[in-house]
């Protein structure tokens, strides 16, 4: 009996022995995996730091050579033009600060010259980067800003770049985005300088702590250069964190790997909790214990009964699987049939869409050419009258307008061809004010005919945008003509066009004092072939085409009710400039009926 139990105990004992061997093996594998990951991350982060350094290294050299920045050194006093130039350079390059110092270390021009804590007038002659630059060398130094209290990497170059230096050009690079990227990655990374002071860290509480106790001489040097301001610089761990593979910080044990950055004696450190190197221990023991329990259960359960139950279960699962397979075959066949029907329906829909597009384009040609033709008739009639009166000068001017309108009609037919393919329109950089004035010339005869007063308010500054000018003019002609028609029935009909730049967006508002648009019709106003005109003056395509053109140009077209009456159509287009000056001028055109 005892011999049988001994035989039965052999499998669990073998499992436990195998568990110990596997645990040691997997711990070694996990440590190797963590070390490889640390080496890869250190290489990546090292290249990131060096890339940030190389990105801004050229800036001090360029500023040191540019007379716009160094003019302040020649005059010996702050110059506003130099400040503005450095401010523009900082905005374009993304540098945190740019400034120029004279041979005494006093700042004469800085990119933050308009800030409350401006560097202009401050003396930083005690900084090592200035001392290196004034000797004709390249200065590099990481420190907390003495004025702003913000850390950064300072890069300096002597000016002039050849000959005896009379000053230095400095750029400050903000390295905090690197810390943010490390923190977002969820990894424990920090960088230490040549003295062992942590200056970048994914854990903010470790920043400005040291790898070991600083010698008095090193601490005195740091205080003299004011490198880390008033930071206490206490050790981050009870034991020195230099080359140890295992370190304990704040009661937590980490596996530690480091690599030289190759810049200013910096060193990168990558820490991984030791738990990650032991993550296989618990699963192995869990599997071992589970197997032992299963072994015991198997011994306690009657083998024959389990086999019979297993046989019944297998037969039932086989039958269920066969039935499921039959249903699956039927579902596949049904899905294929539905897909064929859907494909046929899609082909029919495509044919219907092509026929609808042909009808819409035919109506659009009539609609879009009717407005220039009306203007053409007005100019021809006027030319005849001027010729009868012998006023050839005015007649020639009208002929020029007629030539411009016929050229626009030719371009317009080409644009209508492209209406179904908006991506082929020519996009160019324009001043939108010119398109507004061109549209005004096209609709001027209509305003003279109806006696409606047109008021345009255009800014002094150019409304620059990248768009298709003819399409913009089409939209404006449609909107201005609709406004004239709406206000024609009023005693003192008026249409107002306001152009302005708001938040990098050009906004045009065209309002009239006509009867307005009823609220129940406002949602349908942009539908094709829908018109609120009771006469035959419109086909209901103008606003539909204008809406599509605005969307194709990356903008929008909307309508709202004017107070006390009338309607306001708002056209928005993306602008190139980020802002413009608020000054503006108003252009009023009193277009009364022609005498």
Protein backbone atom coordinates (compact mmCIF):
# COMPACT_ATOMS: atom_id res chain seq x y z
CA UNK A 1 0.00 0.00 0.00
CA UNK A 2 2.77 2.45 0.91
CA UNK A 3 4.57 1.60 -2.30
CA UNK A 4 1.49 2.50 -4.35
CA UNK A 5 1.23 5.89 -2.65
CA UNK A 6 4.91 6.46 -3.42
CA UNK A 7 4.26 5.84 -7.09
CA UNK A 8 1.25 8.15 -6.99
CA UNK A 9 3.35 10.94 -5.38
CA UNK A 10 6.01 10.88 -8.12
CA UNK A 11 4.04 13.03 -10.68
CA UNK A 12 3.36 15.93 -8.23
CA UNK A 13 6.99 15.92 -7.10
CA UNK A 14 8.17 16.04 -10.71
CA UNK A 15 5.80 18.95 -11.38
CA UNK A 16 7.19 20.91 -8.43
CA UNK A 17 10.78 20.28 -9.52
CA UNK A 18 9.92 21.32 -13.06
CA UNK A 19 8.28 24.48 -11.68
CA UNK A 20 11.51 25.53 -9.93
CA UNK A 21 13.52 24.98 -13.12
CA UNK A 22 10.99 26.88 -15.26
CA UNK A 23 10.86 29.77 -12.82
CA UNK A 24 14.61 30.25 -12.97
CA UNK A 25 14.62 29.89 -16.76
CA UNK A 26 11.78 32.37 -17.32
CA UNK A 27 13.29 34.86 -14.86
CA UNK A 28 16.50 34.82 -16.91
CA UNK A 29 14.49 35.25 -20.11
CA UNK A 30 12.45 38.11 -18.62
CA UNK A 31 15.63 39.86 -17.46
CA UNK A 32 17.12 39.53 -20.95
CA UNK A 33 13.89 40.86 -22.48
CA UNK A 34 13.83 43.82 -20.09
CA UNK A 35 17.49 44.57 -20.82
CA UNK A 36 16.89 44.50 -24.59
CA UNK A 37 13.86 46.75 -24.20
CA UNK A 38 15.89 49.13 -22.04
CA UNK A 39 18.70 49.24 -24.62
CA UNK A 40 16.22 49.97 -27.43
CA UNK A 41 14.47 52.69 -25.42
CA UNK A 42 17.75 54.28 -24.39
CA UNK A 43 18.89 54.39 -28.02
CA UNK A 44 15.58 55.93 -29.07
CA UNK A 45 15.55 58.54 -26.31
CA UNK A 46 19.23 59.36 -26.92
CA UNK A 47 18.48 60.04 -30.59
CA UNK A 48 15.48 62.15 -29.56
CA UNK A 49 17.62 64.36 -27.31
CA UNK A 50 20.37 64.70 -29.91
CA UNK A 51 17.77 65.42 -32.58
CA UNK A 52 16.31 68.23 -30.47
CA UNK A 53 19.84 69.59 -29.96
CA UNK A 54 20.71 69.43 -33.66
CA UNK A 55 17.37 71.02 -34.54
CA UNK A 56 18.30 74.29 -32.81
CA UNK A 57 22.10 74.21 -32.96
CA UNK A 58 22.20 76.31 -36.13
CA UNK A 59 20.06 79.15 -34.72
CA UNK A 60 22.74 80.97 -32.63
CA UNK A 61 25.12 80.85 -35.60
CA UNK A 62 22.49 82.33 -37.94
CA UNK A 63 21.58 85.07 -35.47
CA UNK A 64 25.22 85.88 -34.82
CA UNK A 65 25.68 86.53 -38.55
CA UNK A 66 22.46 88.49 -39.12
CA UNK A 67 22.90 92.28 -38.78
CA UNK A 68 19.23 92.64 -37.91
CA UNK A 69 19.96 90.92 -34.61
CA UNK A 70 23.49 92.20 -33.95
CA UNK A 71 22.72 95.84 -34.77
CA UNK A 72 21.94 96.36 -31.08
CA UNK A 73 25.54 95.36 -30.22
CA UNK A 74 26.93 97.99 -32.59
CA UNK A 75 24.68 100.72 -31.18
CA UNK A 76 25.30 99.59 -27.59
CA UNK A 77 21.65 99.89 -26.60
CA UNK A 78 18.37 97.94 -27.07
CA UNK A 79 16.87 98.27 -30.55
CA UNK A 80 13.19 97.54 -31.17
CA UNK A 81 13.81 96.19 -34.68
CA UNK A 82 16.27 93.64 -33.28
CA UNK A 83 13.70 92.59 -30.67
CA UNK A 84 11.03 92.13 -33.32
CA UNK A 85 13.38 90.14 -35.52
CA UNK A 86 14.26 87.78 -32.66
CA UNK A 87 10.58 87.44 -31.75
CA UNK A 88 9.74 86.47 -35.33
CA UNK A 89 12.63 84.00 -35.47
CA UNK A 90 11.50 82.38 -32.20
CA UNK A 91 7.92 82.05 -33.42
CA UNK A 92 8.97 80.50 -36.73
CA UNK A 93 11.60 78.12 -35.33
CA UNK A 94 9.73 77.04 -32.19
CA UNK A 95 12.62 78.05 -29.91
CA UNK A 96 11.72 78.99 -26.35
CA UNK A 97 13.89 82.13 -26.26
CA UNK A 98 16.33 83.97 -28.53
CA UNK A 99 18.50 86.83 -27.27
CA UNK A 100 21.72 88.76 -27.93
CA UNK A 101 24.22 89.74 -25.19
CA UNK A 102 27.07 92.27 -25.31
CA UNK A 103 30.62 91.53 -24.20
CA UNK A 104 29.70 92.23 -20.55
CA UNK A 105 26.89 89.66 -20.60
CA UNK A 106 24.05 92.20 -20.65
CA UNK A 107 21.08 91.32 -22.86
CA UNK A 108 20.39 94.03 -25.47
CA UNK A 109 17.69 92.24 -27.52
CA UNK A 110 15.39 89.31 -26.77
CA UNK A 111 12.41 87.56 -28.32
CA UNK A 112 10.35 88.11 -25.13
CA UNK A 113 11.02 91.84 -25.06
CA UNK A 114 7.31 92.59 -24.67
CA UNK A 115 6.77 90.23 -21.71
CA UNK A 116 6.67 91.41 -18.13
CA UNK A 117 9.74 89.28 -17.31
CA UNK A 118 11.74 90.37 -20.35
CA UNK A 119 15.41 89.38 -20.62
CA UNK A 120 16.35 92.78 -22.05
CA UNK A 121 18.67 94.57 -19.62
CA UNK A 122 19.43 91.40 -17.62
CA UNK A 123 23.07 90.34 -17.16
CA UNK A 124 23.98 86.67 -17.52
CA UNK A 125 27.73 87.01 -17.66
CA UNK A 126 28.07 84.39 -14.91
CA UNK A 127 26.66 81.64 -17.16
CA UNK A 128 29.23 79.17 -18.59
CA UNK A 129 27.65 79.31 -22.07
CA UNK A 130 28.35 83.06 -22.25
CA UNK A 131 31.91 82.63 -21.05
CA UNK A 132 32.53 80.01 -23.74
CA UNK A 133 30.94 82.15 -26.47
CA UNK A 134 32.88 85.31 -25.55
CA UNK A 135 36.06 83.24 -25.93
CA UNK A 136 35.04 82.41 -29.49
CA UNK A 137 33.77 78.91 -28.68
CA UNK A 138 30.36 77.27 -28.91
CA UNK A 139 28.54 77.49 -25.58
CA UNK A 140 26.29 74.69 -24.29
CA UNK A 141 24.67 74.64 -20.87
CA UNK A 142 21.50 73.27 -19.24
CA UNK A 143 20.10 75.32 -16.39
CA UNK A 144 17.00 76.82 -14.80
CA UNK A 145 16.39 80.31 -16.18
CA UNK A 146 17.60 83.00 -13.79
CA UNK A 147 14.75 85.36 -14.77
CA UNK A 148 11.82 83.19 -15.79
CA UNK A 149 12.64 80.21 -13.58
CA UNK A 150 12.01 77.76 -16.43
CA UNK A 151 14.59 75.06 -17.32
CA UNK A 152 16.12 74.73 -20.76
CA UNK A 153 19.19 73.98 -22.85
CA UNK A 154 21.16 77.16 -23.68
CA UNK A 155 23.18 77.20 -26.92
CA UNK A 156 25.44 80.19 -27.65
CA UNK A 157 27.70 81.42 -30.45
CA UNK A 158 30.10 84.38 -30.55
CA UNK A 159 29.29 87.38 -32.74
CA UNK A 160 30.80 88.16 -35.09
CA UNK A 161 31.46 84.53 -36.03
CA UNK A 162 35.04 85.42 -37.04
CA UNK A 163 37.38 87.87 -35.38
CA UNK A 164 37.21 89.17 -31.85
CA UNK A 165 33.78 88.54 -30.26
CA UNK A 166 31.85 91.61 -29.14
CA UNK A 167 28.88 89.64 -27.87
CA UNK A 168 26.98 86.37 -28.03
CA UNK A 169 23.78 85.05 -29.67
CA UNK A 170 21.87 82.59 -27.50
CA UNK A 171 18.91 80.22 -28.02
CA UNK A 172 17.07 78.53 -25.20
CA UNK A 173 15.53 75.14 -26.02
CA UNK A 174 12.64 73.88 -23.90
CA UNK A 175 13.29 70.19 -23.13
CA UNK A 176 10.11 69.69 -21.11
CA UNK A 177 8.14 68.21 -24.04
CA UNK A 178 10.57 65.27 -23.93
CA UNK A 179 9.66 64.70 -20.30
CA UNK A 180 5.97 64.82 -21.19
CA UNK A 181 6.50 62.23 -23.94
CA UNK A 182 8.32 59.94 -21.50
CA UNK A 183 5.54 60.30 -18.94
CA UNK A 184 2.82 59.59 -21.51
CA UNK A 185 4.64 56.41 -22.51
CA UNK A 186 4.30 55.15 -18.93
CA UNK A 187 8.01 54.39 -18.62
CA UNK A 188 10.47 55.39 -15.92
CA UNK A 189 13.21 57.41 -17.63
CA UNK A 190 15.45 60.23 -16.44
CA UNK A 191 18.59 62.06 -17.57
CA UNK A 192 21.46 63.20 -15.35
CA UNK A 193 24.22 65.71 -16.07
CA UNK A 194 27.97 65.26 -15.63
CA UNK A 195 27.63 65.96 -11.87
CA UNK A 196 24.93 63.33 -11.40
CA UNK A 197 22.02 65.80 -11.07
CA UNK A 198 18.72 64.60 -12.54
CA UNK A 199 17.40 67.42 -14.77
CA UNK A 200 14.88 65.53 -16.95
CA UNK A 201 12.59 62.84 -15.55
CA UNK A 202 9.30 61.13 -16.39
CA UNK A 203 8.62 61.32 -12.63
CA UNK A 204 8.49 64.97 -11.57
CA UNK A 205 9.34 64.14 -7.92
CA UNK A 206 12.81 62.90 -8.97
CA UNK A 207 13.70 66.05 -10.90
CA UNK A 208 16.64 68.05 -9.43
CA UNK A 209 17.71 65.19 -7.18
CA UNK A 210 21.12 63.56 -7.42
CA UNK A 211 22.39 60.05 -8.09
CA UNK A 212 24.65 60.33 -5.05
CA UNK A 213 25.73 62.88 -2.47
CA UNK A 214 27.40 65.83 -4.23
CA UNK A 215 30.95 66.78 -3.16
CA UNK A 216 31.23 70.31 -1.66
CA UNK A 217 33.30 71.57 -4.61
CA UNK A 218 30.71 70.46 -7.17
CA UNK A 219 27.89 71.96 -5.14
CA UNK A 220 29.82 75.25 -4.90
CA UNK A 221 30.27 75.33 -8.71
CA UNK A 222 26.55 74.73 -9.27
CA UNK A 223 25.67 77.52 -6.85
CA UNK A 224 28.14 79.92 -8.52
CA UNK A 225 26.65 79.38 -11.99
CA UNK A 226 23.11 79.31 -10.52
CA UNK A 227 22.52 76.27 -12.69
CA UNK A 228 19.63 74.87 -10.67
CA UNK A 229 18.53 78.03 -8.82
CA UNK A 230 17.64 77.23 -5.21
CA UNK A 231 17.00 73.49 -5.60
CA UNK A 232 18.19 71.42 -2.62
CA UNK A 233 19.75 68.67 -4.86
CA UNK A 234 19.23 65.81 -2.39
CA UNK A 235 20.12 62.18 -3.31
CA UNK A 236 17.30 60.24 -4.94
CA UNK A 237 18.33 57.02 -3.19
CA UNK A 238 20.19 55.92 -0.08
CA UNK A 239 22.63 54.06 -2.31
CA UNK A 240 24.47 55.66 -5.30
CA UNK A 241 22.61 55.18 -8.62
CA UNK A 242 25.52 54.85 -11.01
CA UNK A 243 26.14 51.44 -12.57
CA UNK A 244 24.13 49.17 -10.27
CA UNK A 245 21.77 46.75 -12.03
CA UNK A 246 19.33 46.90 -9.11
CA UNK A 247 18.50 50.17 -7.35
CA UNK A 248 15.98 51.08 -4.67
CA UNK A 249 14.26 54.47 -4.93
CA UNK A 250 11.47 55.58 -2.60
CA UNK A 251 11.10 52.03 -1.31
CA UNK A 252 10.68 50.53 -4.80
CA UNK A 253 13.24 48.25 -6.43
CA UNK A 254 14.08 48.73 -10.10
CA UNK A 255 16.27 47.07 -12.70
CA UNK A 256 18.58 49.84 -13.93
CA UNK A 257 20.19 50.44 -17.33
CA UNK A 258 22.03 53.58 -18.48
CA UNK A 259 23.68 54.98 -21.63
CA UNK A 260 25.80 58.02 -22.44
CA UNK A 261 24.00 60.69 -24.50
CA UNK A 262 27.16 62.15 -26.04
CA UNK A 263 26.28 65.73 -25.09
CA UNK A 264 27.58 67.72 -22.11
CA UNK A 265 28.38 64.52 -20.22
CA UNK A 266 24.68 63.62 -19.96
CA UNK A 267 23.58 60.09 -19.09
CA UNK A 268 20.18 58.47 -19.75
CA UNK A 269 18.74 56.05 -17.21
CA UNK A 270 15.96 53.52 -17.83
CA UNK A 271 14.30 51.82 -14.85
CA UNK A 272 11.98 48.80 -14.88
CA UNK A 273 10.27 47.50 -11.71
CA UNK A 274 11.74 44.15 -10.71
CA UNK A 275 8.22 42.74 -10.67
CA UNK A 276 8.35 42.71 -14.48
CA UNK A 277 11.34 40.34 -14.36
CA UNK A 278 9.39 38.02 -12.05
CA UNK A 279 6.02 38.10 -13.77
CA UNK A 280 6.34 34.43 -14.77
CA UNK A 281 6.64 33.14 -11.19
CA UNK A 282 2.97 33.38 -10.24
CA UNK A 283 1.59 31.83 -13.47
CA UNK A 284 4.04 28.92 -13.24
CA UNK A 285 3.10 28.18 -9.65
CA UNK A 286 -0.58 28.58 -10.48
CA UNK A 287 -0.25 26.10 -13.34
CA UNK A 288 1.73 23.68 -11.17
CA UNK A 289 -0.79 23.75 -8.33
CA UNK A 290 -3.66 23.43 -10.78
CA UNK A 291 -2.08 20.41 -12.41
CA UNK A 292 -1.55 18.79 -9.03
CA UNK A 293 -5.17 19.37 -8.08
CA UNK A 294 -6.36 18.01 -11.40
CA UNK A 295 -4.15 14.95 -10.84
CA UNK A 296 -5.70 14.38 -7.42
CA UNK A 297 -9.22 14.81 -8.80
CA UNK A 298 -8.51 12.38 -11.58
CA UNK A 299 -7.32 9.78 -9.05
CA UNK A 300 -10.47 10.25 -6.96
CA UNK A 301 -12.96 9.98 -9.82
CA UNK A 302 -13.87 6.64 -11.24
CA UNK A 303 -12.16 6.25 -14.55
CA UNK A 304 -14.89 4.24 -16.18
CA UNK A 305 -17.69 6.63 -15.23
CA UNK A 306 -15.77 9.60 -16.56
CA UNK A 307 -15.07 7.80 -19.79
CA UNK A 308 -18.78 7.00 -20.30
CA UNK A 309 -19.79 10.58 -19.61
CA UNK A 310 -17.12 11.84 -21.90
CA UNK A 311 -18.31 9.53 -24.67
CA UNK A 312 -21.92 10.74 -24.36
CA UNK A 313 -20.77 14.35 -24.35
CA UNK A 314 -18.62 13.86 -27.43
CA UNK A 315 -21.52 12.30 -29.35
CA UNK A 316 -23.79 15.19 -28.41
CA UNK A 317 -21.17 17.79 -29.38
CA UNK A 318 -20.65 16.01 -32.70
CA UNK A 319 -24.36 16.16 -33.48
CA UNK A 320 -24.55 19.83 -32.47
CA UNK A 321 -21.54 20.63 -34.60
CA UNK A 322 -23.07 18.90 -37.61
CA UNK A 323 -26.31 20.85 -37.23
CA UNK A 324 -24.41 24.10 -36.81
CA UNK A 325 -22.38 23.38 -39.93
CA UNK A 326 -25.58 22.81 -41.93
CA UNK A 327 -27.04 26.14 -40.79
CA UNK A 328 -23.79 27.91 -41.56
CA UNK A 329 -23.77 26.59 -45.15
CA UNK A 330 -27.32 27.87 -45.65
CA UNK A 331 -26.46 31.30 -44.21
CA UNK A 332 -23.44 31.59 -46.51
CA UNK A 333 -25.54 30.83 -49.57
CA UNK A 334 -28.18 33.37 -48.51
CA UNK A 335 -25.54 36.03 -47.92
CA UNK A 336 -24.05 35.49 -51.37
CA UNK A 337 -27.50 35.90 -52.93
CA UNK A 338 -28.09 39.17 -51.03
CA UNK A 339 -24.67 40.46 -52.07
CA UNK A 340 -25.48 39.81 -55.74
CA UNK A 341 -28.78 41.67 -55.42
CA UNK A 342 -27.08 44.56 -53.64
CA UNK A 343 -24.46 44.81 -56.38
CA UNK A 344 -27.18 45.02 -59.04
CA UNK A 345 -29.00 47.69 -57.03
CA UNK A 346 -25.79 49.73 -56.72
CA UNK A 347 -25.22 49.58 -60.46
CA UNK A 348 -28.77 50.78 -61.12
CA UNK A 349 -28.34 53.61 -58.60
CA UNK A 350 -25.11 54.68 -60.29
CA UNK A 351 -26.90 54.85 -63.66
CA UNK A 352 -29.70 56.93 -62.11
CA UNK A 353 -27.21 59.32 -60.53
CA UNK A 354 -25.45 59.86 -63.86
CA UNK A 355 -28.78 60.70 -65.55
CA UNK A 356 -29.69 63.10 -62.71
CA UNK A 357 -26.31 64.80 -63.01
CA UNK A 358 -26.89 65.40 -66.75
CA UNK A 359 -30.23 67.09 -66.04
CA UNK A 360 -28.77 69.23 -63.24
CA UNK A 361 -25.85 70.35 -65.41
CA UNK A 362 -28.17 71.37 -68.27
CA UNK A 363 -30.25 73.54 -65.98
CA UNK A 364 -27.10 74.94 -64.33
CA UNK A 365 -25.73 76.12 -67.71
CA UNK A 366 -28.92 78.08 -68.41
CA UNK A 367 -29.00 79.53 -64.91
CA UNK A 368 -25.36 80.58 -64.69
CA UNK A 369 -25.19 82.14 -68.19
CA UNK A 370 -28.43 84.10 -67.79
CA UNK A 371 -26.89 86.58 -65.34
CA UNK A 372 -23.83 87.56 -67.48
CA UNK A 373 -26.12 87.74 -70.54
CA UNK A 374 -28.38 90.21 -68.74
CA UNK A 375 -25.37 92.35 -67.88
CA UNK A 376 -24.16 92.04 -71.48
CA UNK A 377 -27.51 93.30 -72.82
CA UNK A 378 -27.38 96.30 -70.47
CA UNK A 379 -23.85 97.25 -71.55
CA UNK A 380 -24.71 96.82 -75.27
CA UNK A 381 -27.77 99.05 -74.90
CA UNK A 382 -25.75 101.67 -73.04
CA UNK A 383 -22.98 101.54 -75.68
CA UNK A 384 -25.49 102.23 -78.43
CA UNK A 385 -26.80 105.27 -76.61
CA UNK A 386 -23.31 106.62 -75.98
CA UNK A 387 -22.42 106.11 -79.65
CA UNK A 388 -25.58 107.94 -80.70
CA UNK A 389 -24.52 110.82 -78.44
CA UNK A 390 -20.99 110.74 -79.79
CA UNK A 391 -19.51 109.80 -76.39
CA UNK A 392 -16.92 107.36 -77.73
CA UNK A 393 -14.82 107.38 -74.55
CA UNK A 394 -17.61 105.93 -72.43
CA UNK A 395 -18.55 103.57 -75.27
CA UNK A 396 -14.99 102.22 -75.32
CA UNK A 397 -15.14 101.65 -71.56
CA UNK A 398 -18.41 99.73 -72.02
CA UNK A 399 -16.82 97.64 -74.77
CA UNK A 400 -14.03 96.72 -72.37
CA UNK A 401 -16.63 95.63 -69.82
CA UNK A 402 -18.42 93.63 -72.55
CA UNK A 403 -15.12 91.94 -73.47
CA UNK A 404 -14.53 91.08 -69.80
CA UNK A 405 -18.05 89.63 -69.48
CA UNK A 406 -17.67 87.45 -72.58
CA UNK A 407 -14.33 86.19 -71.24
CA UNK A 408 -16.02 85.42 -67.94
CA UNK A 409 -18.82 83.56 -69.79
CA UNK A 410 -16.20 81.42 -71.55
CA UNK A 411 -14.49 80.68 -68.24
CA UNK A 412 -17.88 80.08 -66.62
CA UNK A 413 -18.85 77.40 -69.14
CA UNK A 414 -15.53 75.70 -68.44
CA UNK A 415 -16.24 75.88 -64.70
CA UNK A 416 -19.72 74.42 -65.19
CA UNK A 417 -18.08 71.48 -66.99
CA UNK A 418 -16.04 70.93 -63.87
CA UNK A 419 -19.06 71.26 -61.56
CA UNK A 420 -19.42 67.47 -61.32
CA UNK A 421 -15.60 67.19 -60.79
CA UNK A 422 -14.74 70.04 -58.36
CA UNK A 423 -11.25 68.70 -57.64
CA UNK A 424 -10.05 69.81 -61.12
CA UNK A 425 -10.64 73.57 -60.58
CA UNK A 426 -7.51 75.73 -60.52
CA UNK A 427 -6.65 76.77 -56.98
CA UNK A 428 -4.54 79.91 -56.53
CA UNK A 429 -3.63 82.42 -53.86
CA UNK A 430 -5.84 85.52 -54.25
CA UNK A 431 -6.99 88.64 -52.44
CA UNK A 432 -10.71 87.98 -51.94
CA UNK A 433 -11.42 91.70 -52.16
CA UNK A 434 -10.64 91.56 -55.91
CA UNK A 435 -13.18 88.77 -56.44
CA UNK A 436 -15.76 90.85 -54.53
CA UNK A 437 -15.12 93.88 -56.78
CA UNK A 438 -15.34 91.69 -59.91
CA UNK A 439 -18.68 90.26 -58.78
CA UNK A 440 -19.90 93.81 -58.08
CA UNK A 441 -19.17 94.81 -61.69
CA UNK A 442 -21.18 91.83 -62.96
CA UNK A 443 -24.29 92.65 -60.90
CA UNK A 444 -24.02 96.45 -61.15
CA UNK A 445 -26.55 96.65 -64.06
CA UNK A 446 -29.04 94.68 -61.97
CA UNK A 447 -28.74 97.14 -59.07
CA UNK A 448 -29.09 100.09 -61.43
CA UNK A 449 -32.16 98.47 -62.97
CA UNK A 450 -33.87 97.84 -59.61
CA UNK A 451 -32.68 101.06 -57.94
CA UNK A 452 -31.38 99.10 -54.92
CA UNK A 453 -28.57 100.67 -52.85
CA UNK A 454 -25.44 98.46 -52.50
CA UNK A 455 -23.11 99.06 -49.57
CA UNK A 456 -19.78 97.18 -49.32
CA UNK A 457 -17.50 97.20 -46.28
CA UNK A 458 -14.04 95.81 -47.10
CA UNK A 459 -11.01 95.83 -44.78
CA UNK A 460 -7.76 97.66 -45.55
CA UNK A 461 -5.76 94.46 -45.16
CA UNK A 462 -5.77 91.86 -47.94
CA UNK A 463 -8.13 88.89 -47.44
CA UNK A 464 -5.69 86.27 -48.66
CA UNK A 465 -6.92 82.73 -49.32
CA UNK A 466 -6.12 79.79 -51.57
CA UNK A 467 -9.25 79.10 -53.63
CA UNK A 468 -10.78 79.07 -57.13
CA UNK A 469 -11.56 82.76 -57.89
CA UNK A 470 -14.20 82.11 -60.57
CA UNK A 471 -16.17 79.87 -58.23
CA UNK A 472 -16.09 82.48 -55.49
CA UNK A 473 -17.32 85.07 -57.99
CA UNK A 474 -20.15 82.72 -59.01
CA UNK A 475 -21.28 82.46 -55.39
CA UNK A 476 -21.09 86.24 -54.83
CA UNK A 477 -22.96 87.05 -58.08
CA UNK A 478 -25.77 84.65 -57.10
CA UNK A 479 -26.04 86.07 -53.58
CA UNK A 480 -25.86 89.75 -54.64
CA UNK A 481 -28.39 89.26 -57.43
CA UNK A 482 -30.78 87.45 -55.07
CA UNK A 483 -30.37 90.30 -52.57
CA UNK A 484 -31.18 92.90 -55.25
CA UNK A 485 -34.26 90.97 -56.33
CA UNK A 486 -35.45 90.59 -52.73
CA UNK A 487 -35.01 94.30 -51.87
CA UNK A 488 -36.38 95.63 -55.19
CA UNK A 489 -39.95 95.76 -53.89
CA UNK A 490 -38.97 97.95 -50.91
CA UNK A 491 -39.24 101.72 -51.01
CA UNK A 492 -35.57 102.13 -50.07
CA UNK A 493 -34.11 98.77 -51.02
CA UNK A 494 -30.64 98.09 -49.66
CA UNK A 495 -28.10 95.25 -49.89
CA UNK A 496 -25.09 95.23 -47.59
CA UNK A 497 -21.85 93.18 -48.01
CA UNK A 498 -19.45 92.96 -45.04
CA UNK A 499 -16.08 91.16 -45.31
CA UNK A 500 -13.98 90.43 -42.24
CA UNK A 501 -11.35 88.00 -40.93
CA UNK A 502 -12.28 86.13 -37.75
CA UNK A 503 -10.14 83.36 -36.23
CA UNK A 504 -8.25 82.49 -39.46
CA UNK A 505 -11.54 82.41 -41.34
CA UNK A 506 -12.83 84.87 -43.95
CA UNK A 507 -16.49 85.65 -43.31
CA UNK A 508 -18.70 87.42 -45.87
CA UNK A 509 -22.19 88.56 -44.82
CA UNK A 510 -24.65 89.63 -47.54
CA UNK A 511 -27.86 91.04 -46.08
CA UNK A 512 -30.93 92.73 -47.58
CA UNK A 513 -34.01 94.47 -46.23
CA UNK A 514 -36.42 92.45 -48.35
CA UNK A 515 -39.34 90.35 -47.07
CA UNK A 516 -36.95 87.63 -45.76
CA UNK A 517 -37.34 83.84 -45.86
CA UNK A 518 -40.14 82.14 -43.91
CA UNK A 519 -38.90 79.78 -41.22
CA UNK A 520 -40.73 76.78 -42.71
CA UNK A 521 -38.92 77.31 -46.05
CA UNK A 522 -35.45 78.00 -44.64
CA UNK A 523 -34.41 74.34 -44.55
CA UNK A 524 -35.34 73.89 -48.24
CA UNK A 525 -33.76 77.11 -49.55
CA UNK A 526 -30.60 75.30 -50.70
CA UNK A 527 -32.45 72.43 -52.42
CA UNK A 528 -32.05 72.23 -56.23
CA UNK A 529 -34.96 73.72 -58.24
CA UNK A 530 -36.53 75.29 -55.14
CA UNK A 531 -37.20 79.03 -55.36
CA UNK A 532 -39.15 81.59 -53.33
CA UNK A 533 -39.57 83.87 -56.38
CA UNK A 534 -43.16 83.89 -57.55
CA UNK A 535 -42.26 85.11 -61.04
CA UNK A 536 -40.06 83.37 -63.60
CA UNK A 537 -37.01 85.19 -62.38
CA UNK A 538 -35.33 82.11 -60.93
CA UNK A 539 -34.99 78.39 -61.57
CA UNK A 540 -34.03 77.42 -58.02
CA UNK A 541 -30.47 76.43 -58.87
CA UNK A 542 -28.45 79.48 -57.78
CA UNK A 543 -28.33 78.74 -54.05
CA UNK A 544 -27.95 74.98 -54.61
CA UNK A 545 -24.92 75.57 -56.84
CA UNK A 546 -23.53 78.18 -54.45
CA UNK A 547 -23.85 75.79 -51.50
CA UNK A 548 -21.99 73.04 -53.35
CA UNK A 549 -19.27 75.40 -54.56
CA UNK A 550 -18.73 76.74 -51.02
CA UNK A 551 -18.37 73.22 -49.62
CA UNK A 552 -16.00 72.19 -52.44
CA UNK A 553 -13.80 75.19 -51.58
CA UNK A 554 -13.57 74.08 -47.94
CA UNK A 555 -16.06 76.66 -46.67
CA UNK A 556 -19.76 76.88 -45.86
CA UNK A 557 -22.89 78.85 -46.81
CA UNK A 558 -25.75 79.46 -44.39
CA UNK A 559 -28.79 81.75 -44.02
CA UNK A 560 -30.49 83.44 -41.09
CA UNK A 561 -33.16 86.06 -40.52
CA UNK A 562 -32.12 89.73 -40.40
CA UNK A 563 -33.54 92.11 -37.78
CA UNK A 564 -36.07 93.74 -38.22
CA UNK A 565 -36.63 92.11 -41.60
CA UNK A 566 -34.78 90.62 -44.51
CA UNK A 567 -32.27 87.78 -44.79
CA UNK A 568 -28.53 87.35 -44.16
CA UNK A 569 -26.44 84.87 -46.17
CA UNK A 570 -23.09 84.06 -44.56
CA UNK A 571 -20.23 82.67 -46.68
CA UNK A 572 -17.09 81.43 -44.90
CA UNK A 573 -13.77 80.46 -46.51
CA UNK A 574 -10.46 79.40 -44.91
CA UNK A 575 -7.84 82.17 -44.75
CA UNK A 576 -4.07 81.98 -45.12
CA UNK A 577 -3.13 84.61 -42.56
CA UNK A 578 -3.53 83.89 -38.81
CA UNK A 579 -4.94 87.34 -38.14
CA UNK A 580 -5.28 90.86 -39.48
CA UNK A 581 -5.45 94.43 -38.22
CA UNK A 582 -8.87 95.65 -37.20
CA UNK A 583 -8.82 98.92 -39.18
CA UNK A 584 -11.22 98.96 -42.13
CA UNK A 585 -12.74 101.30 -44.62
CA UNK A 586 -16.28 101.41 -45.96
CA UNK A 587 -16.99 101.58 -49.67
CA UNK A 588 -20.44 102.92 -50.41
CA UNK A 589 -21.96 102.81 -53.84
CA UNK A 590 -25.20 104.61 -54.32
CA UNK A 591 -26.54 102.77 -57.35
CA UNK A 592 -29.74 104.50 -58.26
CA UNK A 593 -31.75 103.73 -61.40
CA UNK A 594 -29.95 104.76 -64.61
CA UNK A 595 -31.06 108.17 -65.95
